[in-house]
Amino acid sequence: MKLSNMIEEFIKELLSEEREIELQRNELATHFNCVPSQINYVIATRFSPERGYFVESRRGSGGYIKITRAIPDNGNYILHTVNSIGNSISAASCRAILGNLYNMELLSHKEIKILMAALSDNSLILPRPQRDIVRASIFKNILINII
């Protein structure tokens, strides 16, 4: 198993017991015999808002990372998701958000497939910056109408 996957599984195991955890970056790096930047990489790529996590980080003196798992309450979680999208979003970030909405049972498998098709790069035939802006606008509009 890759080190990043092991770190992710370790953190998810801690989060399965509690909704919010605080970790010392250096202690975690020592536990996994890696550099603290490896911990930062895992946190940034695997525990993002679009994946249903809120992260607060402080550097210096070993630094700490507070990770909170979002607990959906129907429209509020979707509304938070809309606010986290911003003005532009990639197809990969859309897939991550949709996967999270499916895992939380807020959208059906069929709805996810339809949204993935509508928001894919194949459907939005525009140059990169405009495509991601249009994708964000469409995605937010759809989610707001789901609420």
Protein backbone atom coordinates (compact mmCIF):
# COMPACT_ATOMS: atom_id res chain seq x y z
CA MET A 1 0.00 0.00 0.00
CA LYS A 2 1.27 3.46 -0.91
CA LEU A 3 2.32 5.71 1.95
CA SER A 4 -0.27 8.35 1.01
CA ASN A 5 -3.02 5.73 1.15
CA MET A 6 -1.81 4.50 4.55
CA ILE A 7 -1.83 8.04 5.96
CA GLU A 8 -5.30 8.66 4.52
CA GLU A 9 -6.67 5.41 5.99
CA PHE A 10 -5.14 6.20 9.38
CA ILE A 11 -6.79 9.64 9.46
CA LYS A 12 -10.12 8.26 8.23
CA GLU A 13 -10.03 5.65 10.97
CA LEU A 14 -9.58 8.40 13.56
CA LEU A 15 -12.44 10.34 11.97
CA SER A 16 -14.71 7.30 12.07
CA GLU A 17 -14.60 7.53 15.87
CA GLU A 18 -14.95 11.32 16.14
CA ARG A 19 -16.31 14.07 13.91
CA GLU A 20 -13.28 16.32 14.53
CA ILE A 21 -9.64 15.49 15.21
CA GLU A 22 -6.47 17.48 15.84
CA LEU A 23 -3.18 16.08 14.64
CA GLN A 24 0.39 17.22 15.16
CA ARG A 25 2.01 17.31 11.73
CA ASN A 26 5.46 16.32 13.03
CA GLU A 27 4.14 13.49 15.21
CA LEU A 28 2.21 12.05 12.28
CA ALA A 29 5.29 12.35 10.05
CA THR A 30 7.37 10.54 12.68
CA HIS A 31 4.72 7.81 13.02
CA PHE A 32 4.84 7.16 9.26
CA ASN A 33 8.58 7.83 8.93
CA CYS A 34 8.09 10.54 6.31
CA VAL A 35 8.57 14.28 5.94
CA PRO A 36 5.83 16.68 7.14
CA SER A 37 5.24 17.81 3.56
CA GLN A 38 3.96 14.29 2.80
CA ILE A 39 1.31 14.81 5.50
CA ASN A 40 0.44 18.19 3.97
CA TYR A 41 0.07 16.55 0.55
CA VAL A 42 -2.34 13.91 1.87
CA ILE A 43 -4.40 16.48 3.77
CA ALA A 44 -4.61 18.82 0.76
CA THR A 45 -5.54 16.13 -1.76
CA ARG A 46 -7.67 13.72 0.26
CA PHE A 47 -9.38 15.90 2.88
CA SER A 48 -10.68 18.85 0.89
CA PRO A 49 -14.09 20.56 1.18
CA GLU A 50 -15.32 18.89 -1.99
CA ARG A 51 -14.63 15.54 -0.32
CA GLY A 52 -16.62 16.54 2.75
CA TYR A 53 -13.90 17.77 5.11
CA PHE A 54 -12.97 21.11 6.63
CA VAL A 55 -9.29 21.59 7.42
CA GLU A 56 -7.69 24.18 9.66
CA SER A 57 -3.92 24.25 9.78
CA ARG A 58 -1.33 26.15 11.79
CA ARG A 59 2.37 26.03 11.04
CA GLY A 60 5.28 26.46 13.41
CA SER A 61 6.06 24.71 16.71
CA GLY A 62 5.29 21.38 15.07
CA GLY A 63 2.04 22.77 13.76
CA TYR A 64 -1.33 21.17 14.10
CA ILE A 65 -4.02 20.19 11.68
CA LYS A 66 -7.67 20.14 12.69
CA ILE A 67 -9.87 18.06 10.39
CA THR A 68 -13.64 18.13 10.69
CA ARG A 69 -15.84 15.69 8.83
CA ALA A 70 -18.94 17.37 7.45
CA ILE A 71 -22.16 15.78 8.59
CA PRO A 72 -24.84 16.37 6.01
CA ASP A 73 -28.26 17.64 6.92
CA ASN A 74 -29.84 17.59 3.49
CA GLY A 75 -29.94 21.10 1.98
CA ASN A 76 -27.36 22.62 4.31
CA TYR A 77 -24.59 20.33 3.07
CA ILE A 78 -25.52 20.96 -0.56
CA LEU A 79 -25.61 24.70 0.12
CA HIS A 80 -22.15 24.49 1.71
CA THR A 81 -20.98 22.61 -1.38
CA VAL A 82 -22.35 25.36 -3.64
CA ASN A 83 -20.46 27.97 -1.61
CA SER A 84 -17.23 25.97 -1.78
CA ILE A 85 -17.27 25.68 -5.59
CA GLY A 86 -16.29 29.28 -6.29
CA ASN A 87 -16.19 30.79 -9.79
CA SER A 88 -14.38 27.94 -11.50
CA ILE A 89 -14.16 24.15 -11.09
CA SER A 90 -12.37 21.34 -12.91
CA ALA A 91 -14.01 18.12 -14.07
CA ALA A 92 -11.95 16.18 -11.50
CA SER A 93 -13.22 18.35 -8.64
CA CYS A 94 -16.79 17.89 -9.89
CA ARG A 95 -16.31 14.13 -9.84
CA ALA A 96 -14.98 14.30 -6.27
CA ILE A 97 -17.95 16.39 -5.10
CA LEU A 98 -20.44 14.16 -6.89
CA GLY A 99 -18.83 11.07 -5.41
CA ASN A 100 -19.18 12.58 -1.97
CA LEU A 101 -22.84 13.49 -2.55
CA TYR A 102 -23.47 9.92 -3.69
CA ASN A 103 -21.65 8.41 -0.68
CA MET A 104 -23.74 10.59 1.63
CA GLU A 105 -26.85 9.34 -0.20
CA LEU A 106 -27.90 12.86 -1.15
CA LEU A 107 -28.04 11.98 -4.86
CA SER A 108 -28.86 8.70 -6.61
CA HIS A 109 -26.52 6.77 -8.88
CA LYS A 110 -28.60 7.79 -11.90
CA GLU A 111 -28.49 11.50 -10.92
CA ILE A 112 -24.71 11.30 -10.48
CA LYS A 113 -24.25 9.73 -13.93
CA ILE A 114 -26.40 12.43 -15.56
CA LEU A 115 -24.52 15.23 -13.77
CA MET A 116 -21.11 13.73 -14.62
CA ALA A 117 -22.09 13.58 -18.29
CA ALA A 118 -23.42 17.14 -18.30
CA LEU A 119 -20.37 18.56 -16.51
CA SER A 120 -17.68 16.58 -18.36
CA ASP A 121 -15.06 18.14 -20.61
CA ASN A 122 -16.74 16.38 -23.57
CA SER A 123 -19.98 18.29 -22.95
CA LEU A 124 -18.38 21.68 -22.42
CA ILE A 125 -16.54 22.38 -25.66
CA LEU A 126 -14.76 25.59 -24.67
CA PRO A 127 -11.15 26.58 -23.98
CA ARG A 128 -9.93 25.67 -20.45
CA PRO A 129 -10.51 28.83 -18.41
CA GLN A 130 -14.01 29.45 -19.82
CA ARG A 131 -14.94 25.74 -19.58
CA ASP A 132 -14.22 25.62 -15.84
CA ILE A 133 -16.13 28.88 -15.27
CA VAL A 134 -19.18 27.65 -17.20
CA ARG A 135 -18.97 24.26 -15.43
CA ALA A 136 -19.00 25.97 -12.01
CA SER A 137 -22.00 28.09 -12.95
CA ILE A 138 -23.99 25.10 -14.26
CA PHE A 139 -23.02 22.90 -11.31
CA LYS A 140 -23.99 25.51 -8.71
CA ASN A 141 -27.29 26.18 -10.46
CA ILE A 142 -28.15 22.46 -10.53
CA LEU A 143 -27.26 21.98 -6.86
CA ILE A 144 -29.30 25.02 -5.79
CA ASN A 145 -32.29 23.63 -7.66
CA ILE A 146 -31.87 20.24 -5.96
CA ILE A 147 -32.31 21.90 -2.56
